[in-house]
PDB file of N, CA and C in Angstrom:
ATOM      1  N   MET A   1      17.991   1.930  -6.429  1.00  0.00           N
ATOM      2  CA  MET A   1      17.609   1.078  -5.809  1.00  0.00           C
ATOM      3  C   MET A   1      16.857   0.268  -5.874  1.00  0.00           C
ATOM      4  N   ILE A   2      16.853  -0.531  -7.056  1.00  0.00           N
ATOM      5  CA  ILE A   2      15.136  -1.092  -7.531  1.00  0.00           C
ATOM      6  C   ILE A   2      14.761  -2.506  -6.750  1.00  0.00           C
ATOM      7  N   PHE A   3      14.348  -2.819  -5.517  1.00  0.00           N
ATOM      8  CA  PHE A   3      13.964  -3.689  -5.656  1.00  0.00           C
ATOM      9  C   PHE A   3      12.100  -4.336  -5.884  1.00  0.00           C
ATOM     10  N   GLU A   4      12.135  -5.850  -6.115  1.00  0.00           N
ATOM     11  CA  GLU A   4      10.500  -5.993  -5.912  1.00  0.00           C
ATOM     12  C   GLU A   4      10.247  -7.045  -4.906  1.00  0.00           C
ATOM     13  N   GLU A   5       9.138  -6.645  -3.840  1.00  0.00           N
ATOM     14  CA  GLU A   5       8.640  -7.573  -2.651  1.00  0.00           C
ATOM     15  C   GLU A   5       7.058  -8.336  -3.290  1.00  0.00           C
ATOM     16  N   ASN A   6       7.637  -9.740  -3.271  1.00  0.00           N
ATOM     17  CA  ASN A   6       6.424 -10.589  -3.713  1.00  0.00           C
ATOM     18  C   ASN A   6       5.966 -11.528  -3.218  1.00  0.00           C
ATOM     19  N   THR A   7       6.258 -11.098  -1.383  1.00  0.00           N
ATOM     20  CA  THR A   7       5.878 -12.433  -0.595  1.00  0.00           C
ATOM     21  C   THR A   7       4.843 -12.357   0.317  1.00  0.00           C
ATOM     22  N   GLY A   8       4.222 -10.995   0.444  1.00  0.00           N
ATOM     23  CA  GLY A   8       3.311 -10.922   1.298  1.00  0.00           C
ATOM     24  C   GLY A   8       1.637 -10.835   0.305  1.00  0.00           C
ATOM     25  N   THR A   9       0.728 -11.513   0.790  1.00  0.00           N
ATOM     26  CA  THR A   9      -0.288 -11.277   0.172  1.00  0.00           C
ATOM     27  C   THR A   9      -1.753  -9.904   0.418  1.00  0.00           C
ATOM     28  N   THR A  10      -1.009  -9.805   1.325  1.00  0.00           N
ATOM     29  CA  THR A  10      -1.744  -7.649   1.342  1.00  0.00           C
ATOM     30  C   THR A  10      -0.957  -6.884   1.344  1.00  0.00           C
ATOM     31  N   THR A  11      -1.256  -5.695   0.999  1.00  0.00           N
ATOM     32  CA  THR A  11      -0.323  -4.876   0.674  1.00  0.00           C
ATOM     33  C   THR A  11       0.253  -4.167   2.189  1.00  0.00           C
ATOM     34  N   TYR A  12      -0.399  -4.542   3.280  1.00  0.00           N
ATOM     35  CA  TYR A  12       0.177  -4.145   4.409  1.00  0.00           C
ATOM     36  C   TYR A  12       1.320  -4.962   4.832  1.00  0.00           C
ATOM     37  N   GLU A  13       1.342  -6.204   3.984  1.00  0.00           N
ATOM     38  CA  GLU A  13       2.511  -7.308   4.517  1.00  0.00           C
ATOM     39  C   GLU A  13       3.371  -6.915   3.440  1.00  0.00           C
ATOM     40  N   SER A  14       2.654  -6.552   2.710  1.00  0.00           N
ATOM     41  CA  SER A  14       4.197  -6.347   1.334  1.00  0.00           C
ATOM     42  C   SER A  14       5.033  -5.013   1.525  1.00  0.00           C
ATOM     43  N   LEU A  15       4.093  -3.864   2.210  1.00  0.00           N
ATOM     44  CA  LEU A  15       4.499  -2.778   3.107  1.00  0.00           C
ATOM     45  C   LEU A  15       5.525  -3.177   4.009  1.00  0.00           C
ATOM     46  N   LEU A  16       5.124  -3.778   4.857  1.00  0.00           N
ATOM     47  CA  LEU A  16       6.147  -4.662   5.740  1.00  0.00           C
ATOM     48  C   LEU A  16       7.420  -4.956   6.119  1.00  0.00           C
ATOM     49  N   ALA A  17       7.636  -5.811   5.032  1.00  0.00           N
ATOM     50  CA  ALA A  17       8.401  -6.882   4.627  1.00  0.00           C
ATOM     51  C   ALA A  17       9.538  -5.847   3.929  1.00  0.00           C
ATOM     52  N   VAL A  18       8.671  -4.213   2.854  1.00  0.00           N
ATOM     53  CA  VAL A  18       9.707  -3.697   2.020  1.00  0.00           C
ATOM     54  C   VAL A  18      10.430  -2.966   3.658  1.00  0.00           C
ATOM     55  N   SER A  19       9.736  -2.458   4.892  1.00  0.00           N
ATOM     56  CA  SER A  19      10.157  -1.816   5.772  1.00  0.00           C
ATOM     57  C   SER A  19      11.066  -2.621   6.140  1.00  0.00           C
ATOM     58  N   GLN A  20      10.838  -3.910   6.086  1.00  0.00           N
ATOM     59  CA  GLN A  20      12.490  -4.652   7.350  1.00  0.00           C
ATOM     60  C   GLN A  20      13.335  -4.520   5.998  1.00  0.00           C
ATOM     61  N   ILE A  21      13.491  -4.985   4.744  1.00  0.00           N
ATOM     62  CA  ILE A  21      14.458  -4.907   3.407  1.00  0.00           C
ATOM     63  C   ILE A  21      15.164  -3.793   4.001  1.00  0.00           C
ATOM     64  N   ALA A  22      14.642  -2.415   3.730  1.00  0.00           N
ATOM     65  CA  ALA A  22      14.785  -1.421   3.592  1.00  0.00           C
ATOM     66  C   ALA A  22      15.970  -1.096   4.824  1.00  0.00           C
ATOM     67  N   THR A  23      15.041  -1.244   6.128  1.00  0.00           N
ATOM     68  CA  THR A  23      15.550  -0.870   7.297  1.00  0.00           C
ATOM     69  C   THR A  23      17.423  -1.869   7.192  1.00  0.00           C
ATOM     70  N   GLU A  24      16.935  -2.955   6.826  1.00  0.00           N
ATOM     71  CA  GLU A  24      18.303  -4.089   6.484  1.00  0.00           C
ATOM     72  C   GLU A  24      19.521  -3.151   5.707  1.00  0.00           C
ATOM     73  N   ARG A  25      19.192  -2.394   4.615  1.00  0.00           N
ATOM     74  CA  ARG A  25      19.846  -1.785   3.836  1.00  0.00           C
ATOM     75  C   ARG A  25      20.002  -0.377   3.686  1.00  0.00           C
ATOM     76  N   LYS A  26      19.327   0.045   4.948  1.00  0.00           N
ATOM     77  CA  LYS A  26      19.909   1.270   5.124  1.00  0.00           C
ATOM     78  C   LYS A  26      18.817   2.398   4.728  1.00  0.00           C
ATOM     79  N   ILE A  27      17.907   2.041   3.724  1.00  0.00           N
ATOM     80  CA  ILE A  27      17.258   2.893   3.401  1.00  0.00           C
ATOM     81  C   ILE A  27      15.589   3.209   3.794  1.00  0.00           C
ATOM     82  N   SER A  28      15.595   4.888   3.757  1.00  0.00           N
ATOM     83  CA  SER A  28      14.824   5.438   4.082  1.00  0.00           C
ATOM     84  C   SER A  28      13.402   6.010   3.472  1.00  0.00           C
ATOM     85  N   ARG A  29      13.878   5.950   2.598  1.00  0.00           N
ATOM     86  CA  ARG A  29      12.735   6.444   1.660  1.00  0.00           C
ATOM     87  C   ARG A  29      12.793   5.494  -0.218  1.00  0.00           C
ATOM     88  N   VAL A  30      11.065   5.081  -0.274  1.00  0.00           N
ATOM     89  CA  VAL A  30      10.959   4.285  -1.100  1.00  0.00           C
ATOM     90  C   VAL A  30       9.821   5.146  -2.563  1.00  0.00           C
ATOM     91  N   LEU A  31       9.514   4.507  -3.400  1.00  0.00           N
ATOM     92  CA  LEU A  31       8.738   4.654  -4.461  1.00  0.00           C
ATOM     93  C   LEU A  31       8.296   3.727  -4.768  1.00  0.00           C
ATOM     94  N   ILE A  32       6.684   3.816  -4.630  1.00  0.00           N
ATOM     95  CA  ILE A  32       5.881   3.201  -4.229  1.00  0.00           C
ATOM     96  C   ILE A  32       5.226   3.201  -6.136  1.00  0.00           C
ATOM     97  N   VAL A  33       4.914   1.861  -6.620  1.00  0.00           N
ATOM     98  CA  VAL A  33       4.305   2.297  -7.622  1.00  0.00           C
ATOM     99  C   VAL A  33       3.538   1.118  -7.716  1.00  0.00           C
ATOM    100  N   SER A  34       1.875   1.645  -8.251  1.00  0.00           N
ATOM    101  CA  SER A  34       0.998   0.712  -8.113  1.00  0.00           C
ATOM    102  C   SER A  34      -0.326   1.585  -9.230  1.00  0.00           C
ATOM    103  N   ASP A  35      -1.543   0.692  -8.792  1.00  0.00           N
ATOM    104  CA  ASP A  35      -3.014   0.866  -9.479  1.00  0.00           C
ATOM    105  C   ASP A  35      -3.193   2.431  -9.193  1.00  0.00           C
ATOM    106  N   PRO A  36      -3.636   3.355 -10.203  1.00  0.00           N
ATOM    107  CA  PRO A  36      -3.533   4.457  -9.255  1.00  0.00           C
ATOM    108  C   PRO A  36      -4.598   4.817  -8.502  1.00  0.00           C
ATOM    109  N   PHE A  37      -5.969   3.462  -8.416  1.00  0.00           N
ATOM    110  CA  PHE A  37      -6.702   3.455  -6.968  1.00  0.00           C
ATOM    111  C   PHE A  37      -6.260   3.543  -5.620  1.00  0.00           C
ATOM    112  N   HIS A  38      -5.139   2.335  -5.744  1.00  0.00           N
ATOM    113  CA  HIS A  38      -4.185   2.217  -4.981  1.00  0.00           C
ATOM    114  C   HIS A  38      -3.620   2.729  -3.942  1.00  0.00           C
ATOM    115  N   MET A  39      -2.835   4.116  -4.777  1.00  0.00           N
ATOM    116  CA  MET A  39      -1.995   4.878  -4.319  1.00  0.00           C
ATOM    117  C   MET A  39      -2.089   5.840  -2.905  1.00  0.00           C
ATOM    118  N   LEU A  40      -3.344   6.199  -2.390  1.00  0.00           N
ATOM    119  CA  LEU A  40      -3.166   6.560  -0.930  1.00  0.00           C
ATOM    120  C   LEU A  40      -3.288   6.138  -0.233  1.00  0.00           C
ATOM    121  N   ARG A  41      -3.826   4.698  -0.218  1.00  0.00           N
ATOM    122  CA  ARG A  41      -3.961   3.451   1.050  1.00  0.00           C
ATOM    123  C   ARG A  41      -2.575   3.063   1.090  1.00  0.00           C
ATOM    124  N   ALA A  42      -1.774   3.074   0.027  1.00  0.00           N
ATOM    125  CA  ALA A  42       0.022   2.426   0.054  1.00  0.00           C
ATOM    126  C   ALA A  42       0.722   3.488   0.876  1.00  0.00           C
ATOM    127  N   LYS A  43       0.377   4.495   0.768  1.00  0.00           N
ATOM    128  CA  LYS A  43       1.464   5.440   1.184  1.00  0.00           C
ATOM    129  C   LYS A  43       1.315   5.554   2.917  1.00  0.00           C
ATOM    130  N   LEU A  44       0.105   5.502   2.945  1.00  0.00           N
ATOM    131  CA  LEU A  44      -0.529   5.774   4.511  1.00  0.00           C
ATOM    132  C   LEU A  44       0.075   4.193   4.597  1.00  0.00           C
ATOM    133  N   ILE A  45       0.139   3.463   4.271  1.00  0.00           N
ATOM    134  CA  ILE A  45       0.070   2.252   4.953  1.00  0.00           C
ATOM    135  C   ILE A  45       2.258   2.551   5.040  1.00  0.00           C
ATOM    136  N   ALA A  46       2.493   2.461   4.341  1.00  0.00           N
ATOM    137  CA  ALA A  46       3.916   2.675   4.255  1.00  0.00           C
ATOM    138  C   ALA A  46       4.227   3.405   5.458  1.00  0.00           C
ATOM    139  N   GLN A  47       3.363   4.640   5.076  1.00  0.00           N
ATOM    140  CA  GLN A  47       4.363   5.456   6.667  1.00  0.00           C
ATOM    141  C   GLN A  47       3.905   5.141   7.971  1.00  0.00           C
ATOM    142  N   GLU A  48       2.907   3.852   8.123  1.00  0.00           N
ATOM    143  CA  GLU A  48       2.444   3.307   9.181  1.00  0.00           C
ATOM    144  C   GLU A  48       3.843   2.306   9.744  1.00  0.00           C
ATOM    145  N   VAL A  49       4.429   2.011   8.764  1.00  0.00           N
ATOM    146  CA  VAL A  49       5.137   1.012   9.017  1.00  0.00           C
ATOM    147  C   VAL A  49       7.149   1.580   8.977  1.00  0.00           C
ATOM    148  N   GLY A  50       6.736   2.662   8.694  1.00  0.00           N
ATOM    149  CA  GLY A  50       8.658   3.204   9.242  1.00  0.00           C
ATOM    150  C   GLY A  50       8.518   4.037   8.002  1.00  0.00           C
ATOM    151  N   LEU A  51       8.304   4.026   6.754  1.00  0.00           N
ATOM    152  CA  LEU A  51       9.517   4.751   5.212  1.00  0.00           C
ATOM    153  C   LEU A  51       8.451   5.672   5.212  1.00  0.00           C
ATOM    154  N   ILE A  52       9.161   6.327   4.555  1.00  0.00           N
ATOM    155  CA  ILE A  52       9.088   7.924   3.888  1.00  0.00           C
ATOM    156  C   ILE A  52       8.527   7.183   2.188  1.00  0.00           C
ATOM    157  N   ALA A  53       7.500   7.815   2.056  1.00  0.00           N
ATOM    158  CA  ALA A  53       7.101   7.235   0.909  1.00  0.00           C
ATOM    159  C   ALA A  53       6.561   8.117  -0.185  1.00  0.00           C
ATOM    160  N   PHE A  54       6.629   7.623  -1.468  1.00  0.00           N
ATOM    161  CA  PHE A  54       6.810   8.644  -2.009  1.00  0.00           C
ATOM    162  C   PHE A  54       5.982   7.713  -3.317  1.00  0.00           C
ATOM    163  N   THR A  55       4.836   7.903  -4.137  1.00  0.00           N
ATOM    164  CA  THR A  55       4.193   6.967  -5.436  1.00  0.00           C
ATOM    165  C   THR A  55       4.168   7.369  -6.927  1.00  0.00           C
ATOM    166  N   SER A  56       4.107   6.442  -7.564  1.00  0.00           N
ATOM    167  CA  SER A  56       3.832   7.042  -8.972  1.00  0.00           C
ATOM    168  C   SER A  56       2.669   5.415  -9.401  1.00  0.00           C
ATOM    169  N   ALA A  57       1.708   6.216  -9.940  1.00  0.00           N
ATOM    170  CA  ALA A  57       0.639   5.580 -10.442  1.00  0.00           C
ATOM    171  C   ALA A  57       0.818   5.433 -11.801  1.00  0.00           C
ATOM    172  N   THR A  58       0.768   3.794 -12.098  1.00  0.00           N
ATOM    173  CA  THR A  58       0.476   3.534 -13.293  1.00  0.00           C
ATOM    174  C   THR A  58      -0.071   4.057 -14.225  1.00  0.00           C
ATOM    175  N   GLN A  59      -0.145   4.104 -15.575  1.00  0.00           N
ATOM    176  CA  GLN A  59      -1.153   5.267 -16.931  1.00  0.00           C
ATOM    177  C   GLN A  59      -2.090   4.635 -16.907  1.00  0.00           C
ATOM    178  N   SER A  60      -2.556   2.703 -16.608  1.00  0.00           N
ATOM    179  CA  SER A  60      -3.197   2.298 -16.724  1.00  0.00           C
ATOM    180  C   SER A  60      -3.922   1.423 -15.740  1.00  0.00           C
ATOM    181  N   SER A  61      -4.785   1.334 -15.369  1.00  0.00           N
ATOM    182  CA  SER A  61      -5.450  -0.272 -14.464  1.00  0.00           C
ATOM    183  C   SER A  61      -6.625  -1.123 -15.511  1.00  0.00           C
ATOM    184  N   VAL A  62      -5.775  -2.440 -14.551  1.00  0.00           N
ATOM    185  CA  VAL A  62      -6.942  -3.478 -15.294  1.00  0.00           C
ATOM    186  C   VAL A  62      -8.127  -3.832 -14.914  1.00  0.00           C
ATOM    187  N   ILE A  63      -8.686  -2.722 -13.467  1.00  0.00           N
ATOM    188  CA  ILE A  63      -9.609  -2.702 -13.538  1.00  0.00           C
ATOM    189  C   ILE A  63     -10.732  -1.551 -14.396  1.00  0.00           C
ATOM    190  N   ARG A  64     -11.744  -1.483 -14.753  1.00  0.00           N
ATOM    191  CA  ARG A  64     -12.293  -0.435 -15.230  1.00  0.00           C
ATOM    192  C   ARG A  64     -13.708  -0.685 -15.161  1.00  0.00           C
ATOM    193  N   ASP A  65     -14.699   0.336 -16.035  1.00  0.00           N
ATOM    194  CA  ASP A  65     -15.873   0.541 -15.097  1.00  0.00           C
ATOM    195  C   ASP A  65     -16.756   0.348 -13.710  1.00  0.00           C
ATOM    196  N   THR A  66     -17.650  -0.471 -13.793  1.00  0.00           N
ATOM    197  CA  THR A  66     -18.349  -0.199 -12.123  1.00  0.00           C
ATOM    198  C   THR A  66     -17.470  -1.493 -11.658  1.00  0.00           C
ATOM    199  N   ALA A  67     -16.774  -2.123 -12.373  1.00  0.00           N
ATOM    200  CA  ALA A  67     -15.673  -2.554 -10.793  1.00  0.00           C
ATOM    201  C   ALA A  67     -14.407  -1.528 -11.004  1.00  0.00           C
ATOM    202  N   ALA A  68     -14.248  -0.730 -11.263  1.00  0.00           N
ATOM    203  CA  ALA A  68     -13.186   0.334 -11.104  1.00  0.00           C
ATOM    204  C   ALA A  68     -14.225   1.238  -9.889  1.00  0.00           C
ATOM    205  N   LEU A  69     -15.600   1.729  -9.856  1.00  0.00           N
ATOM    206  CA  LEU A  69     -16.358   2.146  -8.820  1.00  0.00           C
ATOM    207  C   LEU A  69     -15.958   1.460  -7.885  1.00  0.00           C
ATOM    208  N   ARG A  70     -16.995   0.610  -7.405  1.00  0.00           N
ATOM    209  CA  ARG A  70     -16.470  -0.004  -6.624  1.00  0.00           C
ATOM    210  C   ARG A  70     -15.262  -0.672  -6.034  1.00  0.00           C
ATOM    211  N   ARG A  71     -14.124  -1.112  -6.819  1.00  0.00           N
ATOM    212  CA  ARG A  71     -12.968  -1.289  -6.028  1.00  0.00           C
ATOM    213  C   ARG A  71     -12.352   0.479  -5.469  1.00  0.00           C
ATOM    214  N   ASN A  72     -12.789   1.369  -6.215  1.00  0.00           N
ATOM    215  CA  ASN A  72     -12.559   3.308  -5.489  1.00  0.00           C
ATOM    216  C   ASN A  72     -13.037   2.801  -4.140  1.00  0.00           C
ATOM    217  N   MET A  73     -14.236   2.618  -4.451  1.00  0.00           N
ATOM    218  CA  MET A  73     -15.364   2.470  -2.839  1.00  0.00           C
ATOM    219  C   MET A  73     -14.528   2.206  -2.029  1.00  0.00           C
ATOM    220  N   GLN A  74     -14.354   0.459  -2.228  1.00  0.00           N
ATOM    221  CA  GLN A  74     -13.828   0.219  -1.248  1.00  0.00           C
ATOM    222  C   GLN A  74     -12.400   0.407  -0.949  1.00  0.00           C
ATOM    223  N   GLU A  75     -11.524   1.282  -1.732  1.00  0.00           N
ATOM    224  CA  GLU A  75      -9.961   2.006  -0.743  1.00  0.00           C
ATOM    225  C   GLU A  75     -10.477   2.752  -0.066  1.00  0.00           C
ATOM    226  N   ALA A  76     -11.564   3.714  -0.459  1.00  0.00           N
ATOM    227  CA  ALA A  76     -12.179   4.612   0.796  1.00  0.00           C
ATOM    228  C   ALA A  76     -12.314   4.154   1.495  1.00  0.00           C
ATOM    229  N   VAL A  77     -13.340   2.889   2.206  1.00  0.00           N
ATOM    230  CA  VAL A  77     -13.714   2.983   2.865  1.00  0.00           C
ATOM    231  C   VAL A  77     -12.376   2.371   3.981  1.00  0.00           C
ATOM    232  N   GLY A  78     -11.539   1.442   3.191  1.00  0.00           N
ATOM    233  CA  GLY A  78     -10.420   1.004   3.503  1.00  0.00           C
ATOM    234  C   GLY A  78      -9.527   2.168   4.223  1.00  0.00           C
ATOM    235  N   ILE A  79      -9.601   2.988   3.205  1.00  0.00           N
ATOM    236  CA  ILE A  79      -8.351   4.410   3.895  1.00  0.00           C
ATOM    237  C   ILE A  79      -8.834   5.246   5.636  1.00  0.00           C
ATOM    238  N   THR A  80     -10.735   4.957   5.221  1.00  0.00           N
ATOM    239  CA  THR A  80     -11.166   5.703   6.579  1.00  0.00           C
ATOM    240  C   THR A  80     -10.781   4.686   8.157  1.00  0.00           C
ATOM    241  N   VAL A  81     -11.366   3.712   7.874  1.00  0.00           N
ATOM    242  CA  VAL A  81     -11.124   2.769   8.683  1.00  0.00           C
ATOM    243  C   VAL A  81      -9.459   2.298   9.522  1.00  0.00           C
ATOM    244  N   GLY A  82      -8.645   2.378   8.157  1.00  0.00           N
ATOM    245  CA  GLY A  82      -7.926   2.530   8.264  1.00  0.00           C
ATOM    246  C   GLY A  82      -6.681   3.724   9.023  1.00  0.00           C
ATOM    247  N   ARG A  83      -7.204   4.867   8.769  1.00  0.00           N
ATOM    248  CA  ARG A  83      -6.694   6.040   9.418  1.00  0.00           C
ATOM    249  C   ARG A  83      -7.439   6.140  10.797  1.00  0.00           C
ATOM    250  N   VAL A  84      -8.495   5.103  11.173  1.00  0.00           N
ATOM    251  CA  VAL A  84      -9.178   5.774  12.473  1.00  0.00           C
ATOM    252  C   VAL A  84      -8.808   3.785  13.518  1.00  0.00           C
ATOM    253  N   VAL A  85      -7.995   3.074  13.118  1.00  0.00           N
ATOM    254  CA  VAL A  85      -8.450   2.017  13.641  1.00  0.00           C
ATOM    255  C   VAL A  85      -6.448   1.595  13.445  1.00  0.00           C
ATOM    256  N   GLY A  86      -5.931   1.674  12.588  1.00  0.00           N
ATOM    257  CA  GLY A  86      -4.712   1.022  11.832  1.00  0.00           C
ATOM    258  C   GLY A  86      -4.863   0.600  11.254  1.00  0.00           C
ATOM    259  N   PHE A  87      -3.736   0.367  10.365  1.00  0.00           N
ATOM    260  CA  PHE A  87      -3.838  -0.305   8.848  1.00  0.00           C
ATOM    261  C   PHE A  87      -2.879  -1.715   9.410  1.00  0.00           C
ATOM    262  N   ARG A  88      -2.892  -1.637  10.087  1.00  0.00           N
ATOM    263  CA  ARG A  88      -1.956  -3.644  10.720  1.00  0.00           C
ATOM    264  C   ARG A  88      -3.554  -3.867  11.194  1.00  0.00           C
ATOM    265  N   ARG A  89      -4.373  -2.863  12.375  1.00  0.00           N
ATOM    266  CA  ARG A  89      -5.047  -3.573  12.716  1.00  0.00           C
ATOM    267  C   ARG A  89      -6.269  -4.470  11.616  1.00  0.00           C
ATOM    268  N   VAL A  90      -6.432  -3.754  10.569  1.00  0.00           N
ATOM    269  CA  VAL A  90      -7.423  -3.485   9.247  1.00  0.00           C
ATOM    270  C   VAL A  90      -6.921  -4.824   8.885  1.00  0.00           C
ATOM    271  N   ASP A  91      -6.005  -4.997   8.521  1.00  0.00           N
ATOM    272  CA  ASP A  91      -4.953  -6.328   7.569  1.00  0.00           C
ATOM    273  C   ASP A  91      -5.815  -7.471   8.462  1.00  0.00           C
ATOM    274  N   SER A  92      -5.031  -7.581   9.479  1.00  0.00           N
ATOM    275  CA  SER A  92      -5.493  -8.338  10.571  1.00  0.00           C
ATOM    276  C   SER A  92      -6.770  -8.847  10.626  1.00  0.00           C
ATOM    277  N   TRP A  93      -7.462  -8.121  10.323  1.00  0.00           N
ATOM    278  CA  TRP A  93      -9.062  -8.729   9.930  1.00  0.00           C
ATOM    279  C   TRP A  93      -9.427  -9.487   9.078  1.00  0.00           C
ATOM    280  N   SER A  94      -8.708  -9.217   7.942  1.00  0.00           N
ATOM    281  CA  SER A  94      -8.908  -9.706   6.388  1.00  0.00           C
ATOM    282  C   SER A  94      -7.799 -10.946   6.299  1.00  0.00           C
ATOM    283  N   ASN A  95      -7.238 -11.342   7.637  1.00  0.00           N
ATOM    284  CA  ASN A  95      -6.765 -12.340   7.260  1.00  0.00           C
ATOM    285  C   ASN A  95      -6.560 -13.712   8.446  1.00  0.00           C
TER     286      ASN A  95
END
């Protein structure tokens, strides 16, 4: 079954919504498709909201050059902080 969640404004909100839909449909495993730089954080958030997540990175990214370096640094910080305090708490800080 393939479905798209597009109501969330953050990765955490989107994966929380996916978790709720998956629970309703008795689905425990999901495949997340996203930008390569985003895969680890998405998988960790999915696990935090109760999903068994597999990932598939896109072949390309719209983010390039210095923007890619900056985005990868942001992801690294986000993963580190999320692992320490929880991704739900990190999400609440940004909203």
